[in-house]
């Protein structure tokens, strides 16, 4: 099913926002790690990585930019070019950001940005459900519950 115009617009805004900021955030982590930034401007404190499988922010930065950002911008491209495929691809992109945030919350302390991106992922899923028509009342079967049927089985 092709999403409605308002659904495509909201989905496109979310996908673009999450995709661009994921690529920017991932690039900042990679550049900060390569440049040896110790100011905390590009790279968070190394203590955040304690207990994680990573010794630096290089791999998480690449994953954030390529996997999360790439999935979001790929879904945006599909939304623009092939709207009929958009709900499935958007769902996959939404799950990438949700999984990213789940894993991040296990590894590093809570940040308000985690809430923002978690809500963005949930909103993407909500828009996919809306576009799919699953919740439309007119598509549900009508069950006649007349008083004569009550109590007779």
Protein backbone atom coordinates (compact mmCIF):
# COMPACT_ATOMS: atom_id res chain seq x y z
CA UNK A 1 0.00 0.00 0.00
CA UNK A 2 1.30 3.47 -0.89
CA UNK A 3 1.39 5.77 2.14
CA UNK A 4 -0.72 8.95 2.05
CA UNK A 5 0.86 12.32 1.34
CA UNK A 6 0.94 13.39 5.01
CA UNK A 7 2.37 10.01 6.03
CA UNK A 8 5.11 10.27 3.39
CA UNK A 9 5.94 13.83 4.50
CA UNK A 10 6.23 12.95 8.20
CA UNK A 11 8.10 9.75 7.47
CA UNK A 12 10.46 11.59 5.15
CA UNK A 13 11.18 14.25 7.77
CA UNK A 14 11.93 11.63 10.42
CA UNK A 15 14.07 9.49 8.12
CA UNK A 16 16.00 12.53 6.94
CA UNK A 17 16.51 13.87 10.47
CA UNK A 18 17.66 10.55 11.93
CA UNK A 19 19.74 9.66 8.86
CA UNK A 20 21.60 12.96 8.61
CA UNK A 21 22.22 13.24 12.34
CA UNK A 22 23.36 9.60 12.55
CA UNK A 23 25.87 10.17 9.76
CA UNK A 24 27.02 13.45 11.34
CA UNK A 25 27.32 11.83 14.77
CA UNK A 26 29.15 8.83 13.39
CA UNK A 27 31.50 11.07 11.40
CA UNK A 28 32.17 13.17 14.52
CA UNK A 29 33.09 10.03 16.48
CA UNK A 30 35.41 8.82 13.72
CA UNK A 31 37.08 12.22 13.22
CA UNK A 32 37.37 12.77 16.96
CA UNK A 33 38.95 9.36 17.43
CA UNK A 34 41.38 9.77 14.53
CA UNK A 35 42.37 13.30 15.57
CA UNK A 36 42.81 12.31 19.20
CA UNK A 37 40.22 14.83 20.43
CA UNK A 38 40.40 14.92 24.21
CA UNK A 39 38.12 17.94 24.67
CA UNK A 40 34.95 15.87 24.77
CA UNK A 41 33.54 17.94 21.93
CA UNK A 42 33.59 15.19 19.30
CA UNK A 43 34.15 12.07 21.36
CA UNK A 44 32.52 11.29 24.73
CA UNK A 45 34.63 10.26 27.69
CA UNK A 46 36.51 6.98 27.17
CA UNK A 47 34.98 5.72 30.42
CA UNK A 48 31.67 5.27 28.54
CA UNK A 49 33.29 2.40 26.66
CA UNK A 50 34.28 0.48 29.79
CA UNK A 51 32.60 -2.91 29.74
CA UNK A 52 31.87 -2.64 26.02
CA UNK A 53 33.53 -4.64 23.25
CA UNK A 54 35.10 -1.40 21.92
CA UNK A 55 38.38 0.19 22.94
CA UNK A 56 37.72 3.36 20.93
CA UNK A 57 34.83 5.21 19.26
CA UNK A 58 36.06 4.38 15.74
CA UNK A 59 33.95 1.25 15.16
CA UNK A 60 30.81 2.62 16.89
CA UNK A 61 31.17 5.78 14.80
CA UNK A 62 31.42 3.79 11.57
CA UNK A 63 28.45 1.63 12.56
CA UNK A 64 26.36 4.66 13.46
CA UNK A 65 27.12 6.44 10.19
CA UNK A 66 27.02 3.50 7.80
CA UNK A 67 24.44 1.14 9.29
CA UNK A 68 22.03 3.45 11.12
CA UNK A 69 22.45 6.55 8.95
CA UNK A 70 22.66 4.49 5.77
CA UNK A 71 19.49 2.55 6.58
CA UNK A 72 17.59 5.74 7.32
CA UNK A 73 18.68 7.52 4.14
CA UNK A 74 18.10 4.38 2.06
CA UNK A 75 14.55 4.25 3.42
CA UNK A 76 14.15 7.94 2.54
CA UNK A 77 15.30 7.27 -1.03
CA UNK A 78 12.86 4.37 -1.32
CA UNK A 79 10.07 6.55 0.06
CA UNK A 80 10.73 9.11 -2.67
CA UNK A 81 11.37 6.71 -5.58
CA UNK A 82 9.27 3.61 -4.78
CA UNK A 83 6.53 4.58 -2.27
CA UNK A 84 4.89 1.13 -2.44
CA UNK A 85 8.03 -0.42 -0.92
CA UNK A 86 8.50 2.35 1.65
CA UNK A 87 6.63 0.77 4.60
CA UNK A 88 8.81 -2.37 4.60
CA UNK A 89 12.08 -0.51 4.14
CA UNK A 90 11.09 2.15 6.69
CA UNK A 91 10.27 -0.58 9.22
CA UNK A 92 13.74 -2.05 8.75
CA UNK A 93 15.34 1.39 9.17
CA UNK A 94 13.23 2.06 12.27
CA UNK A 95 14.33 -1.19 13.84
CA UNK A 96 17.99 -0.31 13.19
CA UNK A 97 17.70 2.89 15.25
CA UNK A 98 15.70 1.13 17.97
CA UNK A 99 18.26 -1.68 18.23
CA UNK A 100 21.08 0.88 18.21
CA UNK A 101 19.48 2.73 21.12
CA UNK A 102 18.73 -0.48 23.06
CA UNK A 103 22.36 -1.60 22.77
CA UNK A 104 23.63 1.88 23.56
CA UNK A 105 21.54 2.03 26.73
CA UNK A 106 23.05 -1.26 27.88
CA UNK A 107 26.61 -0.02 27.31
CA UNK A 108 26.65 3.69 28.20
CA UNK A 109 24.84 5.87 30.73
CA UNK A 110 21.47 7.37 29.82
CA UNK A 111 21.41 10.49 27.68
CA UNK A 112 18.37 12.58 26.67
CA UNK A 113 19.41 12.03 23.05
CA UNK A 114 18.69 8.34 23.51
CA UNK A 115 15.10 9.22 24.36
CA UNK A 116 14.82 11.51 21.31
CA UNK A 117 16.07 8.84 18.92
CA UNK A 118 14.08 6.07 20.60
CA UNK A 119 10.91 8.15 20.14
CA UNK A 120 11.89 8.86 16.53
CA UNK A 121 12.19 5.11 15.90
CA UNK A 122 8.83 4.48 17.54
CA UNK A 123 7.28 7.26 15.44
CA UNK A 124 8.68 5.65 12.29
CA UNK A 125 7.10 2.33 13.31
CA UNK A 126 3.81 4.12 14.03
CA UNK A 127 3.86 5.72 10.59
CA UNK A 128 4.54 2.33 9.00
CA UNK A 129 1.55 0.85 10.85
CA UNK A 130 -0.57 3.81 9.77
CA UNK A 131 0.53 3.45 6.14
CA UNK A 132 -0.19 -0.27 6.14
CA UNK A 133 -3.84 0.28 7.00
CA UNK A 134 -3.78 -2.29 9.80
CA UNK A 135 -5.72 -0.03 12.14
CA UNK A 136 -8.40 1.17 9.72
CA UNK A 137 -11.89 0.52 11.04
CA UNK A 138 -13.40 0.10 7.56
CA UNK A 139 -11.06 -2.81 6.84
CA UNK A 140 -12.14 -4.81 9.88
CA UNK A 141 -14.82 -7.45 9.54
CA UNK A 142 -18.18 -6.43 10.94
CA UNK A 143 -19.60 -8.73 13.58
CA UNK A 144 -23.34 -8.47 14.14
CA UNK A 145 -24.03 -8.53 17.87
CA UNK A 146 -27.77 -8.26 17.89
CA UNK A 147 -29.60 -8.90 21.21
CA UNK A 148 -30.98 -12.19 19.85
CA UNK A 149 -27.44 -13.54 19.47
CA UNK A 150 -26.41 -12.72 23.03
CA UNK A 151 -26.59 -15.78 25.24
CA UNK A 152 -27.30 -18.26 22.40
CA UNK A 153 -24.49 -20.65 21.67
